[in-house]
Amino acid sequence: MDTIKERKKLPAGAINEIASRTGLSQTTVSKVLRGKRGTPKAARVFRAAAEYLTEYKANEAEALQALEVALSDETHEQLTARLSRQREKYGEGTSPLY
């Protein structure tokens, strides 16, 4: 993460969280992530950033999976209700959805 462009790929609040984990200021973390590596604090920032991003991505993947399941269940319920209405309207096995 040498450039401001790479730093912008961080999720919102990442610099604050990395600063909190390292005990450094947000300004220091931001400078390190912009490429100021001539400090012994850089390794600490990079390590904390890597740990944070690993956790963030795992949480994001888990949340997306949970959302998929929730939407799937809702879609399944809607389909079941529609099939039931069609069966009532057209009779068993004659629904246009089959």
C-alpha atoms as a PDB file:
ATOM      1  CA  MET A   1       0.000   0.000   0.000  1.00  0.00           C
ATOM      2  CA  ASP A   2       2.381   2.642  -1.198  1.00  0.00           C
ATOM      3  CA  THR A   3      -0.056   5.077  -2.675  1.00  0.00           C
ATOM      4  CA  ILE A   4      -3.049   7.107  -1.709  1.00  0.00           C
ATOM      5  CA  LYS A   5      -4.927   5.113  -4.370  1.00  0.00           C
ATOM      6  CA  GLU A   6      -4.257   1.866  -2.479  1.00  0.00           C
ATOM      7  CA  ARG A   7      -5.163   3.497   0.829  1.00  0.00           C
ATOM      8  CA  LYS A   8      -8.540   4.450  -0.625  1.00  0.00           C
ATOM      9  CA  LYS A   9      -9.290   0.750  -1.099  1.00  0.00           C
ATOM     10  CA  LEU A  10      -9.522   0.382   2.670  1.00  0.00           C
ATOM     11  CA  PRO A  11     -13.041   0.124   4.112  1.00  0.00           C
ATOM     12  CA  ALA A  12     -14.508   3.119   5.889  1.00  0.00           C
ATOM     13  CA  GLY A  13     -13.131   3.401   9.406  1.00  0.00           C
ATOM     14  CA  ALA A  14     -10.089   1.243   8.675  1.00  0.00           C
ATOM     15  CA  ILE A  15      -7.523   3.889   9.544  1.00  0.00           C
ATOM     16  CA  ASN A  16      -9.284   4.581  12.840  1.00  0.00           C
ATOM     17  CA  GLU A  17      -9.379   0.844  13.654  1.00  0.00           C
ATOM     18  CA  ILE A  18      -5.723   0.327  12.689  1.00  0.00           C
ATOM     19  CA  ALA A  19      -4.741   3.341  14.795  1.00  0.00           C
ATOM     20  CA  SER A  20      -6.652   1.888  17.718  1.00  0.00           C
ATOM     21  CA  ARG A  21      -4.974  -1.507  17.332  1.00  0.00           C
ATOM     22  CA  THR A  22      -1.479  -0.057  17.101  1.00  0.00           C
ATOM     23  CA  GLY A  23      -1.852   2.704  19.675  1.00  0.00           C
ATOM     24  CA  LEU A  24      -0.739   5.216  17.044  1.00  0.00           C
ATOM     25  CA  SER A  25      -2.506   8.322  15.842  1.00  0.00           C
ATOM     26  CA  GLN A  26      -4.716   8.272  12.769  1.00  0.00           C
ATOM     27  CA  THR A  27      -2.337  10.757  11.171  1.00  0.00           C
ATOM     28  CA  THR A  28       0.642   8.442  11.675  1.00  0.00           C
ATOM     29  CA  VAL A  29      -1.260   5.456  10.303  1.00  0.00           C
ATOM     30  CA  SER A  30      -2.432   7.475   7.320  1.00  0.00           C
ATOM     31  CA  LYS A  31       1.110   8.669   6.570  1.00  0.00           C
ATOM     32  CA  VAL A  32       2.499   5.129   6.769  1.00  0.00           C
ATOM     33  CA  LEU A  33      -0.215   3.851   4.445  1.00  0.00           C
ATOM     34  CA  ARG A  34       0.573   6.654   1.999  1.00  0.00           C
ATOM     35  CA  GLY A  35       4.121   5.402   1.720  1.00  0.00           C
ATOM     36  CA  LYS A  36       6.147   6.989   4.531  1.00  0.00           C
ATOM     37  CA  ARG A  37       8.048   3.835   5.444  1.00  0.00           C
ATOM     38  CA  GLY A  38      11.107   5.346   7.029  1.00  0.00           C
ATOM     39  CA  THR A  39       9.745   4.740  10.478  1.00  0.00           C
ATOM     40  CA  PRO A  40       9.905   1.736  12.773  1.00  0.00           C
ATOM     41  CA  LYS A  41       6.160   2.148  13.224  1.00  0.00           C
ATOM     42  CA  ALA A  42       5.529   1.045   9.626  1.00  0.00           C
ATOM     43  CA  ALA A  43       5.836  -2.671  10.344  1.00  0.00           C
ATOM     44  CA  ARG A  44       3.374  -2.341  13.216  1.00  0.00           C
ATOM     45  CA  VAL A  45       0.914  -0.503  10.965  1.00  0.00           C
ATOM     46  CA  PHE A  46       1.249  -3.015   8.110  1.00  0.00           C
ATOM     47  CA  ARG A  47       0.778  -5.960  10.472  1.00  0.00           C
ATOM     48  CA  ALA A  48      -2.316  -4.396  12.059  1.00  0.00           C
ATOM     49  CA  ALA A  49      -3.686  -3.463   8.627  1.00  0.00           C
ATOM     50  CA  ALA A  50      -3.227  -7.034   7.378  1.00  0.00           C
ATOM     51  CA  GLU A  51      -4.941  -8.472  10.463  1.00  0.00           C
ATOM     52  CA  TYR A  52      -7.792  -5.979  10.219  1.00  0.00           C
ATOM     53  CA  LEU A  53      -8.368  -6.616   6.514  1.00  0.00           C
ATOM     54  CA  THR A  54      -8.307 -10.385   7.017  1.00  0.00           C
ATOM     55  CA  GLU A  55     -10.962 -10.096   9.736  1.00  0.00           C
ATOM     56  CA  TYR A  56     -12.971  -7.576   7.708  1.00  0.00           C
ATOM     57  CA  LYS A  57     -13.048  -9.781   4.612  1.00  0.00           C
ATOM     58  CA  ALA A  58     -14.009 -12.852   6.636  1.00  0.00           C
ATOM     59  CA  ASN A  59     -16.827 -10.919   8.352  1.00  0.00           C
ATOM     60  CA  GLU A  60     -17.975  -9.503   5.023  1.00  0.00           C
ATOM     61  CA  ALA A  61     -18.055 -12.961   3.407  1.00  0.00           C
ATOM     62  CA  GLU A  62     -19.972 -14.368   6.384  1.00  0.00           C
ATOM     63  CA  ALA A  63     -22.469 -11.491   6.271  1.00  0.00           C
ATOM     64  CA  LEU A  64     -23.003 -11.889   2.524  1.00  0.00           C
ATOM     65  CA  GLN A  65     -23.589 -15.605   2.974  1.00  0.00           C
ATOM     66  CA  ALA A  66     -26.125 -14.929   5.747  1.00  0.00           C
ATOM     67  CA  LEU A  67     -27.855 -12.375   3.517  1.00  0.00           C
ATOM     68  CA  GLU A  68     -27.991 -14.874   0.667  1.00  0.00           C
ATOM     69  CA  VAL A  69     -29.606 -17.435   2.964  1.00  0.00           C
ATOM     70  CA  ALA A  70     -32.115 -14.881   4.236  1.00  0.00           C
ATOM     71  CA  LEU A  71     -33.047 -13.793   0.718  1.00  0.00           C
ATOM     72  CA  SER A  72     -33.195 -17.395  -0.428  1.00  0.00           C
ATOM     73  CA  ASP A  73     -35.618 -18.271   2.358  1.00  0.00           C
ATOM     74  CA  GLU A  74     -37.772 -15.283   1.561  1.00  0.00           C
ATOM     75  CA  THR A  75     -37.806 -16.134  -2.142  1.00  0.00           C
ATOM     76  CA  HIS A  76     -38.671 -19.736  -1.304  1.00  0.00           C
ATOM     77  CA  GLU A  77     -41.584 -18.592   0.859  1.00  0.00           C
ATOM     78  CA  GLN A  78     -42.827 -16.294  -1.892  1.00  0.00           C
ATOM     79  CA  LEU A  79     -42.619 -19.071  -4.478  1.00  0.00           C
ATOM     80  CA  THR A  80     -44.445 -21.493  -2.190  1.00  0.00           C
ATOM     81  CA  ALA A  81     -47.224 -18.944  -1.650  1.00  0.00           C
ATOM     82  CA  ARG A  82     -47.520 -18.274  -5.395  1.00  0.00           C
ATOM     83  CA  LEU A  83     -47.685 -22.000  -6.175  1.00  0.00           C
ATOM     84  CA  SER A  84     -50.393 -22.422  -3.550  1.00  0.00           C
ATOM     85  CA  ARG A  85     -52.429 -19.582  -5.093  1.00  0.00           C
ATOM     86  CA  GLN A  86     -51.973 -21.089  -8.554  1.00  0.00           C
ATOM     87  CA  ARG A  87     -53.079 -24.534  -7.328  1.00  0.00           C
ATOM     88  CA  GLU A  88     -56.195 -22.977  -5.808  1.00  0.00           C
ATOM     89  CA  LYS A  89     -56.969 -21.064  -8.999  1.00  0.00           C
ATOM     90  CA  TYR A  90     -56.153 -23.742 -11.611  1.00  0.00           C
ATOM     91  CA  GLY A  91     -56.276 -26.991  -9.621  1.00  0.00           C
ATOM     92  CA  GLU A  92     -53.513 -29.416  -8.692  1.00  0.00           C
ATOM     93  CA  GLY A  93     -50.918 -30.013 -11.427  1.00  0.00           C
ATOM     94  CA  THR A  94     -52.386 -27.498 -13.905  1.00  0.00           C
ATOM     95  CA  SER A  95     -50.666 -24.332 -12.758  1.00  0.00           C
ATOM     96  CA  PRO A  96     -48.960 -22.338 -15.528  1.00  0.00           C
ATOM     97  CA  LEU A  97     -45.916 -22.254 -13.257  1.00  0.00           C
ATOM     98  CA  TYR A  98     -45.284 -25.993 -13.823  1.00  0.00           C
END
